[in-house]
C-alpha cells in the first residue's frame, strides 16, 4: 500500500469521525462515547475500496504503448554515449588530456605548469593524441 493510499484512508476516517461528532454537537445533545473501534475487517474493506478506486483511475488514463520502449532506448543511448566518451583517446592539450595518465608521484598530486612533463610522457605512451 502506498503512502498516497494511506493518506486517503486517514483522511476518509478523519472526515467520518468529524462528521459524526459534528452531527451530535449540532443537536445540542452531549457527545456519546466514541463509536466502534476500527477492526481488521473494516480496515481491509477500506483498503480494498481505495485500491479499486486507484485501479479505475489508473486504467482511465491514456498510456502510450511506445513510452516504455522510448525510455529504454534513451537509456541505452545514454549508456553507450557515456562508454564511448570514456573509451575515446583524448587530445593531449585539452582538459581531459591526462585522464589516462596520472599526474602524481605516490600520494603527491602535481598540477598546473608542473604537470607539463606528464603531458609529454602521455603523448609518448599513446595515452593521448
Protein backbone atom coordinates (compact mmCIF):
# COMPACT_ATOMS: atom_id res chain seq x y z
CA UNK A 1 0.00 0.00 0.00
CA UNK A 2 1.44 3.35 -0.99
CA UNK A 3 1.62 6.45 1.16
CA UNK A 4 -0.97 8.10 -1.07
CA UNK A 5 -3.46 5.37 -0.27
CA UNK A 6 -2.68 5.54 3.44
CA UNK A 7 -3.25 9.29 3.41
CA UNK A 8 -6.60 8.80 1.68
CA UNK A 9 -7.65 6.23 4.27
CA UNK A 10 -6.65 8.51 7.13
CA UNK A 11 -8.46 11.43 5.52
CA UNK A 12 -11.63 9.39 4.98
CA UNK A 13 -11.56 8.08 8.55
CA UNK A 14 -10.94 11.57 9.94
CA UNK A 15 -13.77 13.07 7.91
CA UNK A 16 -16.13 10.32 9.01
CA UNK A 17 -15.27 10.86 12.68
CA UNK A 18 -15.57 14.63 12.32
CA UNK A 19 -18.97 14.26 10.63
CA UNK A 20 -20.21 12.01 13.42
CA UNK A 21 -19.00 14.41 16.11
CA UNK A 22 -20.39 17.43 14.25
CA UNK A 23 -23.82 15.84 13.87
CA UNK A 24 -24.01 15.15 17.57
CA UNK A 25 -22.76 18.62 18.52
CA UNK A 26 -25.35 20.35 16.31
CA UNK A 27 -28.19 18.54 18.05
CA UNK A 28 -27.13 20.02 21.37
CA UNK A 29 -27.05 16.58 22.91
CA UNK A 30 -23.99 15.55 24.83
CA UNK A 31 -21.46 13.63 22.83
CA UNK A 32 -21.78 9.88 23.33
CA UNK A 33 -18.91 7.54 23.95
CA UNK A 34 -16.60 7.01 20.98
CA UNK A 35 -18.02 4.80 18.25
CA UNK A 36 -16.91 1.30 17.46
CA UNK A 37 -13.20 0.70 17.25
CA UNK A 38 -11.67 0.04 13.89
CA UNK A 39 -11.43 -3.66 13.26
CA UNK A 40 -9.30 -5.61 10.85
CA UNK A 41 -12.27 -6.24 8.57
CA UNK A 42 -13.15 -2.52 8.44
CA UNK A 43 -9.55 -1.64 7.57
CA UNK A 44 -9.40 -4.43 4.99
CA UNK A 45 -12.60 -3.23 3.31
CA UNK A 46 -11.36 0.38 3.25
CA UNK A 47 -8.03 -0.66 1.73
CA UNK A 48 -9.77 -2.73 -0.94
CA UNK A 49 -12.05 0.19 -1.78
CA UNK A 50 -9.10 2.58 -2.15
CA UNK A 51 -7.16 0.06 -4.26
CA UNK A 52 -10.16 -0.44 -6.54
CA UNK A 53 -10.55 3.34 -6.91
CA UNK A 54 -6.85 3.75 -7.72
CA UNK A 55 -7.04 0.97 -10.31
CA UNK A 56 -10.01 2.65 -12.00
CA UNK A 57 -8.19 5.98 -12.12
CA UNK A 58 -5.04 4.35 -13.46
CA UNK A 59 -6.94 2.41 -16.14
CA UNK A 60 -8.82 5.53 -17.23
CA UNK A 61 -5.61 7.43 -18.03
CA UNK A 62 -4.31 7.03 -21.59
CA UNK A 63 -0.94 5.33 -21.78
CA UNK A 64 1.28 5.39 -24.81
CA UNK A 65 2.38 1.93 -25.88
CA UNK A 66 5.74 3.19 -27.11
CA UNK A 67 6.55 5.15 -23.95
CA UNK A 68 8.39 2.28 -22.24
CA UNK A 69 10.35 1.39 -25.38
CA UNK A 70 11.43 5.02 -25.82
CA UNK A 71 12.63 5.25 -22.24
CA UNK A 72 14.67 2.09 -22.60
CA UNK A 73 16.13 3.22 -25.91
CA UNK A 74 17.09 6.61 -24.46
CA UNK A 75 18.76 4.93 -21.51
CA UNK A 76 20.72 2.60 -23.78
CA UNK A 77 21.78 5.50 -25.97
CA UNK A 78 22.96 7.49 -22.95
CA UNK A 79 24.87 4.46 -21.64
CA UNK A 80 26.53 3.89 -25.00
CA UNK A 81 27.37 7.58 -25.30
CA UNK A 82 29.00 7.62 -21.85
CA UNK A 83 31.01 4.46 -22.52
CA UNK A 84 32.10 5.73 -25.92
CA UNK A 85 33.22 9.08 -24.47
CA UNK A 86 35.19 7.25 -21.78
CA UNK A 87 36.89 4.96 -24.32
CA UNK A 88 37.84 7.76 -26.71
CA UNK A 89 41.53 8.70 -26.63
CA UNK A 90 41.65 12.39 -25.65
CA UNK A 91 43.70 15.19 -27.18
CA UNK A 92 46.82 15.96 -25.13
CA UNK A 93 46.24 19.71 -24.99
CA UNK A 94 42.60 19.58 -23.87
CA UNK A 95 41.26 19.48 -20.31
CA UNK A 96 40.80 15.70 -20.35
CA UNK A 97 44.20 15.03 -21.94
CA UNK A 98 45.64 13.49 -18.82
CA UNK A 99 42.66 11.36 -17.80
CA UNK A 100 44.62 8.15 -18.51
CA UNK A 101 47.97 9.44 -17.28
CA UNK A 102 48.25 10.11 -13.53
CA UNK A 103 49.96 13.38 -12.64
CA UNK A 104 51.17 12.38 -9.24
CA UNK A 105 54.04 10.62 -7.63
CA UNK A 106 52.72 8.46 -4.84
CA UNK A 107 50.44 10.50 -2.60
CA UNK A 108 51.70 13.81 -4.02
CA UNK A 109 49.44 15.33 -6.70
CA UNK A 110 51.09 17.61 -9.24
CA UNK A 111 49.11 20.12 -11.28
CA UNK A 112 49.29 23.30 -13.29
CA UNK A 113 52.53 24.13 -15.11
CA UNK A 114 54.36 21.45 -13.17
CA UNK A 115 52.24 18.77 -14.92
CA UNK A 116 53.60 19.62 -18.40
CA UNK A 117 56.20 16.83 -18.33
CA UNK A 118 53.34 14.39 -17.77
CA UNK A 119 51.70 15.61 -20.99
CA UNK A 120 54.86 14.69 -22.92
CA UNK A 121 55.02 11.30 -21.21
CA UNK A 122 51.32 10.66 -22.00
CA UNK A 123 51.97 11.53 -25.67
CA UNK A 124 54.95 9.14 -25.85
CA UNK A 125 52.97 6.33 -24.23
CA UNK A 126 49.98 6.86 -26.55
CA UNK A 127 47.59 7.84 -23.74
CA UNK A 128 46.55 10.96 -25.66
CA UNK A 129 46.73 12.24 -29.25
